[in-house]
Amino acid sequence: MKTLKTRLIFISLLILLSTTSQAGEVVRSFKSDIQINADASLTVKETITVQAEGQQIKRGIYQDFPTRYKDPYGNN
């Protein structure tokens, strides 16, 4: 009887560990306030809630804004 109880506890722990390890890395929420200033500079404030396990998100999140554009006529 003790062996059965031990096995059940062991199996329960394995199930618990396998379900929690599959949570993954997820962006839970993302809010971005972008202001374009008169001098064409940007003021950006981002609020991000992330669940990271160090697999893909290791050193933060990086954001790039394109700074070179072409109009429909090919002008910069």
PDB file of N, CA and C in Angstrom:
ATOM      1  N   MET A   1       0.827  -1.197   0.000  1.00  0.00           N
ATOM      2  CA  MET A   1       0.000   0.000   0.000  1.00  0.00           C
ATOM      3  C   MET A   1       0.868   1.257   0.000  1.00  0.00           C
ATOM      4  N   LYS A   2       1.977   1.208   0.739  1.00  0.00           N
ATOM      5  CA  LYS A   2       2.869   2.356   0.797  1.00  0.00           C
ATOM      6  C   LYS A   2       3.509   2.629  -0.566  1.00  0.00           C
ATOM      7  N   THR A   3       3.825   1.568  -1.303  1.00  0.00           N
ATOM      8  CA  THR A   3       4.411   1.726  -2.625  1.00  0.00           C
ATOM      9  C   THR A   3       3.421   2.383  -3.586  1.00  0.00           C
ATOM     10  N   LEU A   4       2.163   2.010  -3.513  1.00  0.00           N
ATOM     11  CA  LEU A   4       1.146   2.612  -4.363  1.00  0.00           C
ATOM     12  C   LEU A   4       0.995   4.099  -4.064  1.00  0.00           C
ATOM     13  N   LYS A   5       0.996   4.441  -2.784  1.00  0.00           N
ATOM     14  CA  LYS A   5       0.874   5.843  -2.380  1.00  0.00           C
ATOM     15  C   LYS A   5       2.084   6.647  -2.878  1.00  0.00           C
ATOM     16  N   THR A   6       3.262   6.085  -2.768  1.00  0.00           N
ATOM     17  CA  THR A   6       4.476   6.744  -3.238  1.00  0.00           C
ATOM     18  C   THR A   6       4.427   6.955  -4.745  1.00  0.00           C
ATOM     19  N   ARG A   7       3.960   5.952  -5.472  1.00  0.00           N
ATOM     20  CA  ARG A   7       3.850   6.071  -6.928  1.00  0.00           C
ATOM     21  C   ARG A   7       2.850   7.149  -7.319  1.00  0.00           C
ATOM     22  N   LEU A   8       1.719   7.202  -6.625  1.00  0.00           N
ATOM     23  CA  LEU A   8       0.711   8.216  -6.923  1.00  0.00           C
ATOM     24  C   LEU A   8       1.245   9.630  -6.680  1.00  0.00           C
ATOM     25  N   ILE A   9       1.979   9.804  -5.596  1.00  0.00           N
ATOM     26  CA  ILE A   9       2.577  11.114  -5.309  1.00  0.00           C
ATOM     27  C   ILE A   9       3.594  11.474  -6.388  1.00  0.00           C
ATOM     28  N   PHE A  10       4.405  10.525  -6.786  1.00  0.00           N
ATOM     29  CA  PHE A  10       5.413  10.750  -7.818  1.00  0.00           C
ATOM     30  C   PHE A  10       4.759  11.123  -9.148  1.00  0.00           C
ATOM     31  N   ILE A  11       3.723  10.402  -9.539  1.00  0.00           N
ATOM     32  CA  ILE A  11       3.013  10.688 -10.800  1.00  0.00           C
ATOM     33  C   ILE A  11       2.349  12.057 -10.731  1.00  0.00           C
ATOM     34  N   SER A  12       1.772  12.391  -9.577  1.00  0.00           N
ATOM     35  CA  SER A  12       1.137  13.704  -9.413  1.00  0.00           C
ATOM     36  C   SER A  12       2.158  14.821  -9.567  1.00  0.00           C
ATOM     37  N   LEU A  13       3.328  14.657  -8.982  1.00  0.00           N
ATOM     38  CA  LEU A  13       4.383  15.662  -9.113  1.00  0.00           C
ATOM     39  C   LEU A  13       4.852  15.802 -10.558  1.00  0.00           C
ATOM     40  N   LEU A  14       4.978  14.688 -11.257  1.00  0.00           N
ATOM     41  CA  LEU A  14       5.379  14.749 -12.667  1.00  0.00           C
ATOM     42  C   LEU A  14       4.357  15.509 -13.504  1.00  0.00           C
ATOM     43  N   ILE A  15       3.082  15.245 -13.259  1.00  0.00           N
ATOM     44  CA  ILE A  15       2.027  15.943 -13.994  1.00  0.00           C
ATOM     45  C   ILE A  15       2.064  17.429 -13.680  1.00  0.00           C
ATOM     46  N   LEU A  16       2.212  17.757 -12.414  1.00  0.00           N
ATOM     47  CA  LEU A  16       2.269  19.158 -12.005  1.00  0.00           C
ATOM     48  C   LEU A  16       3.453  19.878 -12.643  1.00  0.00           C
ATOM     49  N   LEU A  17       4.610  19.279 -12.626  1.00  0.00           N
ATOM     50  CA  LEU A  17       5.803  19.893 -13.205  1.00  0.00           C
ATOM     51  C   LEU A  17       5.695  20.026 -14.720  1.00  0.00           C
ATOM     52  N   SER A  18       5.104  19.059 -15.380  1.00  0.00           N
ATOM     53  CA  SER A  18       5.006  19.122 -16.839  1.00  0.00           C
ATOM     54  C   SER A  18       4.019  20.194 -17.285  1.00  0.00           C
ATOM     55  N   THR A  19       2.951  20.423 -16.528  1.00  0.00           N
ATOM     56  CA  THR A  19       1.992  21.457 -16.926  1.00  0.00           C
ATOM     57  C   THR A  19       2.521  22.856 -16.651  1.00  0.00           C
ATOM     58  N   THR A  20       3.283  23.046 -15.576  1.00  0.00           N
ATOM     59  CA  THR A  20       3.809  24.380 -15.286  1.00  0.00           C
ATOM     60  C   THR A  20       4.967  24.728 -16.203  1.00  0.00           C
ATOM     61  N   SER A  21       5.724  23.760 -16.687  1.00  0.00           N
ATOM     62  CA  SER A  21       6.862  24.062 -17.550  1.00  0.00           C
ATOM     63  C   SER A  21       6.432  24.390 -18.974  1.00  0.00           C
ATOM     64  N   GLN A  22       5.179  24.169 -19.317  1.00  0.00           N
ATOM     65  CA  GLN A  22       4.706  24.459 -20.657  1.00  0.00           C
ATOM     66  C   GLN A  22       4.120  25.868 -20.772  1.00  0.00           C
ATOM     67  N   ALA A  23       4.267  26.671 -19.736  1.00  0.00           N
ATOM     68  CA  ALA A  23       3.677  28.009 -19.749  1.00  0.00           C
ATOM     69  C   ALA A  23       4.271  28.865 -20.859  1.00  0.00           C
ATOM     70  N   GLY A  24       5.576  28.743 -21.104  1.00  0.00           N
ATOM     71  CA  GLY A  24       6.208  29.460 -22.204  1.00  0.00           C
ATOM     72  C   GLY A  24       6.460  30.927 -21.912  1.00  0.00           C
ATOM     73  N   GLU A  25       6.924  31.608 -22.918  1.00  0.00           N
ATOM     74  CA  GLU A  25       7.206  33.033 -22.822  1.00  0.00           C
ATOM     75  C   GLU A  25       6.125  33.792 -23.579  1.00  0.00           C
ATOM     76  N   VAL A  26       5.474  34.691 -22.871  1.00  0.00           N
ATOM     77  CA  VAL A  26       4.292  35.349 -23.425  1.00  0.00           C
ATOM     78  C   VAL A  26       4.305  36.826 -23.065  1.00  0.00           C
ATOM     79  N   VAL A  27       3.906  37.661 -24.008  1.00  0.00           N
ATOM     80  CA  VAL A  27       3.645  39.068 -23.710  1.00  0.00           C
ATOM     81  C   VAL A  27       2.209  39.127 -23.206  1.00  0.00           C
ATOM     82  N   ARG A  28       2.041  39.460 -21.943  1.00  0.00           N
ATOM     83  CA  ARG A  28       0.714  39.487 -21.313  1.00  0.00           C
ATOM     84  C   ARG A  28      -0.056  40.767 -21.662  1.00  0.00           C
ATOM     85  N   SER A  29       0.652  41.891 -21.688  1.00  0.00           N
ATOM     86  CA  SER A  29      -0.003  43.142 -22.077  1.00  0.00           C
ATOM     87  C   SER A  29       1.040  44.080 -22.675  1.00  0.00           C
ATOM     88  N   PHE A  30       0.560  44.970 -23.541  1.00  0.00           N
ATOM     89  CA  PHE A  30       1.449  45.904 -24.230  1.00  0.00           C
ATOM     90  C   PHE A  30       0.684  47.198 -24.460  1.00  0.00           C
ATOM     91  N   LYS A  31       1.238  48.292 -23.970  1.00  0.00           N
ATOM     92  CA  LYS A  31       0.647  49.612 -24.184  1.00  0.00           C
ATOM     93  C   LYS A  31       1.757  50.537 -24.651  1.00  0.00           C
ATOM     94  N   SER A  32       1.484  51.267 -25.722  1.00  0.00           N
ATOM     95  CA  SER A  32       2.488  52.163 -26.284  1.00  0.00           C
ATOM     96  C   SER A  32       1.885  53.542 -26.508  1.00  0.00           C
ATOM     97  N   ASP A  33       2.509  54.557 -25.914  1.00  0.00           N
ATOM     98  CA  ASP A  33       2.122  55.946 -26.131  1.00  0.00           C
ATOM     99  C   ASP A  33       3.249  56.597 -26.925  1.00  0.00           C
ATOM    100  N   ILE A  34       2.935  57.008 -28.154  1.00  0.00           N
ATOM    101  CA  ILE A  34       3.940  57.588 -29.046  1.00  0.00           C
ATOM    102  C   ILE A  34       3.536  59.014 -29.378  1.00  0.00           C
ATOM    103  N   GLN A  35       4.476  59.924 -29.156  1.00  0.00           N
ATOM    104  CA  GLN A  35       4.240  61.342 -29.466  1.00  0.00           C
ATOM    105  C   GLN A  35       5.267  61.766 -30.506  1.00  0.00           C
ATOM    106  N   ILE A  36       4.780  62.335 -31.597  1.00  0.00           N
ATOM    107  CA  ILE A  36       5.677  62.880 -32.614  1.00  0.00           C
ATOM    108  C   ILE A  36       5.804  64.375 -32.341  1.00  0.00           C
ATOM    109  N   ASN A  37       7.010  64.806 -32.036  1.00  0.00           N
ATOM    110  CA  ASN A  37       7.267  66.199 -31.671  1.00  0.00           C
ATOM    111  C   ASN A  37       7.426  67.080 -32.905  1.00  0.00           C
ATOM    112  N   ALA A  38       7.358  68.381 -32.691  1.00  0.00           N
ATOM    113  CA  ALA A  38       7.454  69.358 -33.789  1.00  0.00           C
ATOM    114  C   ALA A  38       8.780  69.250 -34.535  1.00  0.00           C
ATOM    115  N   ASP A  39       9.840  68.848 -33.844  1.00  0.00           N
ATOM    116  CA  ASP A  39      11.141  68.726 -34.498  1.00  0.00           C
ATOM    117  C   ASP A  39      11.345  67.345 -35.139  1.00  0.00           C
ATOM    118  N   ALA A  40      10.277  66.571 -35.251  1.00  0.00           N
ATOM    119  CA  ALA A  40      10.273  65.233 -35.861  1.00  0.00           C
ATOM    120  C   ALA A  40      10.903  64.158 -34.983  1.00  0.00           C
ATOM    121  N   SER A  41      11.240  64.502 -33.749  1.00  0.00           N
ATOM    122  CA  SER A  41      11.726  63.471 -32.829  1.00  0.00           C
ATOM    123  C   SER A  41      10.521  62.739 -32.223  1.00  0.00           C
ATOM    124  N   LEU A  42      10.792  61.601 -31.622  1.00  0.00           N
ATOM    125  CA  LEU A  42       9.743  60.790 -31.013  1.00  0.00           C
ATOM    126  C   LEU A  42       9.909  60.750 -29.510  1.00  0.00           C
ATOM    127  N   THR A  43       8.805  60.776 -28.805  1.00  0.00           N
ATOM    128  CA  THR A  43       8.780  60.479 -27.380  1.00  0.00           C
ATOM    129  C   THR A  43       7.912  59.238 -27.226  1.00  0.00           C
ATOM    130  N   VAL A  44       8.509  58.166 -26.717  1.00  0.00           N
ATOM    131  CA  VAL A  44       7.807  56.881 -26.636  1.00  0.00           C
ATOM    132  C   VAL A  44       7.812  56.390 -25.204  1.00  0.00           C
ATOM    133  N   LYS A  45       6.645  55.988 -24.734  1.00  0.00           N
ATOM    134  CA  LYS A  45       6.531  55.347 -23.425  1.00  0.00           C
ATOM    135  C   LYS A  45       5.795  54.032 -23.635  1.00  0.00           C
ATOM    136  N   GLU A  46       6.464  52.930 -23.289  1.00  0.00           N
ATOM    137  CA  GLU A  46       5.852  51.616 -23.438  1.00  0.00           C
ATOM    138  C   GLU A  46       5.749  50.950 -22.073  1.00  0.00           C
ATOM    139  N   THR A  47       4.611  50.335 -21.852  1.00  0.00           N
ATOM    140  CA  THR A  47       4.398  49.545 -20.640  1.00  0.00           C
ATOM    141  C   THR A  47       4.114  48.121 -21.092  1.00  0.00           C
ATOM    142  N   ILE A  48       5.008  47.204 -20.737  1.00  0.00           N
ATOM    143  CA  ILE A  48       4.914  45.828 -21.210  1.00  0.00           C
ATOM    144  C   ILE A  48       4.966  44.888 -20.007  1.00  0.00           C
ATOM    145  N   THR A  49       4.024  43.951 -19.968  1.00  0.00           N
ATOM    146  CA  THR A  49       4.048  42.889 -18.962  1.00  0.00           C
ATOM    147  C   THR A  49       4.371  41.590 -19.687  1.00  0.00           C
ATOM    148  N   VAL A  50       5.457  40.934 -19.272  1.00  0.00           N
ATOM    149  CA  VAL A  50       5.956  39.755 -19.973  1.00  0.00           C
ATOM    150  C   VAL A  50       6.173  38.612 -18.988  1.00  0.00           C
ATOM    151  N   GLN A  51       5.850  37.409 -19.429  1.00  0.00           N
ATOM    152  CA  GLN A  51       6.260  36.213 -18.693  1.00  0.00           C
ATOM    153  C   GLN A  51       7.443  35.642 -19.459  1.00  0.00           C
ATOM    154  N   ALA A  52       8.622  35.702 -18.862  1.00  0.00           N
ATOM    155  CA  ALA A  52       9.838  35.244 -19.529  1.00  0.00           C
ATOM    156  C   ALA A  52      10.492  34.155 -18.700  1.00  0.00           C
ATOM    157  N   GLU A  53      10.924  33.108 -19.383  1.00  0.00           N
ATOM    158  CA  GLU A  53      11.613  31.999 -18.715  1.00  0.00           C
ATOM    159  C   GLU A  53      13.071  31.904 -19.137  1.00  0.00           C
ATOM    160  N   GLY A  54      13.553  32.921 -19.865  1.00  0.00           N
ATOM    161  CA  GLY A  54      14.954  32.932 -20.266  1.00  0.00           C
ATOM    162  C   GLY A  54      15.263  32.042 -21.451  1.00  0.00           C
ATOM    163  N   GLN A  55      14.247  31.603 -22.187  1.00  0.00           N
ATOM    164  CA  GLN A  55      14.489  30.753 -23.356  1.00  0.00           C
ATOM    165  C   GLN A  55      14.704  31.608 -24.595  1.00  0.00           C
ATOM    166  N   GLN A  56      13.736  32.457 -24.911  1.00  0.00           N
ATOM    167  CA  GLN A  56      13.873  33.360 -26.054  1.00  0.00           C
ATOM    168  C   GLN A  56      14.080  34.792 -25.588  1.00  0.00           C
ATOM    169  N   ILE A  57      13.418  35.172 -24.518  1.00  0.00           N
ATOM    170  CA  ILE A  57      13.575  36.509 -23.954  1.00  0.00           C
ATOM    171  C   ILE A  57      14.623  36.405 -22.854  1.00  0.00           C
ATOM    172  N   LYS A  58      15.854  36.783 -23.181  1.00  0.00           N
ATOM    173  CA  LYS A  58      16.956  36.608 -22.226  1.00  0.00           C
ATOM    174  C   LYS A  58      17.451  37.931 -21.649  1.00  0.00           C
ATOM    175  N   ARG A  59      17.460  38.979 -22.462  1.00  0.00           N
ATOM    176  CA  ARG A  59      18.028  40.253 -22.024  1.00  0.00           C
ATOM    177  C   ARG A  59      17.100  41.416 -22.318  1.00  0.00           C
ATOM    178  N   GLY A  60      15.827  41.193 -22.218  1.00  0.00           N
ATOM    179  CA  GLY A  60      14.870  42.275 -22.431  1.00  0.00           C
ATOM    180  C   GLY A  60      14.257  42.245 -23.818  1.00  0.00           C
ATOM    181  N   ILE A  61      13.482  43.250 -24.083  1.00  0.00           N
ATOM    182  CA  ILE A  61      12.782  43.375 -25.356  1.00  0.00           C
ATOM    183  C   ILE A  61      13.304  44.622 -26.052  1.00  0.00           C
ATOM    184  N   TYR A  62      13.631  44.508 -27.324  1.00  0.00           N
ATOM    185  CA  TYR A  62      14.168  45.615 -28.091  1.00  0.00           C
ATOM    186  C   TYR A  62      13.131  46.092 -29.093  1.00  0.00           C
ATOM    187  N   GLN A  63      13.058  47.397 -29.262  1.00  0.00           N
ATOM    188  CA  GLN A  63      12.088  48.000 -30.166  1.00  0.00           C
ATOM    189  C   GLN A  63      12.818  48.955 -31.093  1.00  0.00           C
ATOM    190  N   ASP A  64      12.601  48.829 -32.380  1.00  0.00           N
ATOM    191  CA  ASP A  64      13.203  49.733 -33.365  1.00  0.00           C
ATOM    192  C   ASP A  64      12.101  50.475 -34.098  1.00  0.00           C
ATOM    193  N   PHE A  65      12.350  51.751 -34.342  1.00  0.00           N
ATOM    194  CA  PHE A  65      11.447  52.554 -35.155  1.00  0.00           C
ATOM    195  C   PHE A  65      12.148  52.872 -36.458  1.00  0.00           C
ATOM    196  N   PRO A  66      11.494  52.622 -37.582  1.00  0.00           N
ATOM    197  CA  PRO A  66      12.126  52.995 -38.855  1.00  0.00           C
ATOM    198  C   PRO A  66      12.282  54.512 -38.929  1.00  0.00           C
ATOM    199  N   THR A  67      13.418  54.944 -39.418  1.00  0.00           N
ATOM    200  CA  THR A  67      13.687  56.378 -39.471  1.00  0.00           C
ATOM    201  C   THR A  67      13.896  56.881 -40.898  1.00  0.00           C
ATOM    202  N   ARG A  68      13.898  56.003 -41.852  1.00  0.00           N
ATOM    203  CA  ARG A  68      14.056  56.401 -43.252  1.00  0.00           C
ATOM    204  C   ARG A  68      12.847  55.883 -44.032  1.00  0.00           C
ATOM    205  N   TYR A  69      12.238  56.791 -44.749  1.00  0.00           N
ATOM    206  CA  TYR A  69      11.037  56.455 -45.511  1.00  0.00           C
ATOM    207  C   TYR A  69      11.165  56.978 -46.930  1.00  0.00           C
ATOM    208  N   LYS A  70      10.417  56.383 -47.819  1.00  0.00           N
ATOM    209  CA  LYS A  70      10.306  56.886 -49.193  1.00  0.00           C
ATOM    210  C   LYS A  70       8.824  57.154 -49.462  1.00  0.00           C
ATOM    211  N   ASP A  71       8.578  58.258 -50.141  1.00  0.00           N
ATOM    212  CA  ASP A  71       7.201  58.567 -50.516  1.00  0.00           C
ATOM    213  C   ASP A  71       6.851  57.796 -51.794  1.00  0.00           C
ATOM    214  N   PRO A  72       5.627  57.899 -52.273  1.00  0.00           N
ATOM    215  CA  PRO A  72       5.242  57.147 -53.472  1.00  0.00           C
ATOM    216  C   PRO A  72       6.072  57.464 -54.718  1.00  0.00           C
ATOM    217  N   TYR A  73       6.781  58.604 -54.710  1.00  0.00           N
ATOM    218  CA  TYR A  73       7.609  58.996 -55.852  1.00  0.00           C
ATOM    219  C   TYR A  73       9.068  58.567 -55.704  1.00  0.00           C
ATOM    220  N   GLY A  74       9.406  57.903 -54.581  1.00  0.00           N
ATOM    221  CA  GLY A  74      10.770  57.435 -54.368  1.00  0.00           C
ATOM    222  C   GLY A  74      11.655  58.417 -53.626  1.00  0.00           C
ATOM    223  N   ASN A  75      11.100  59.538 -53.174  1.00  0.00           N
ATOM    224  CA  ASN A  75      11.890  60.545 -52.444  1.00  0.00           C
ATOM    225  C   ASN A  75      12.044  60.119 -50.983  1.00  0.00           C
ATOM    226  N   ASN A  76      13.221  60.471 -50.418  1.00  0.00           N
ATOM    227  CA  ASN A  76      13.443  60.191 -48.987  1.00  0.00           C
ATOM    228  C   ASN A  76      12.691  61.186 -48.123  1.00  0.00           C
TER     229      ASN A  76
END
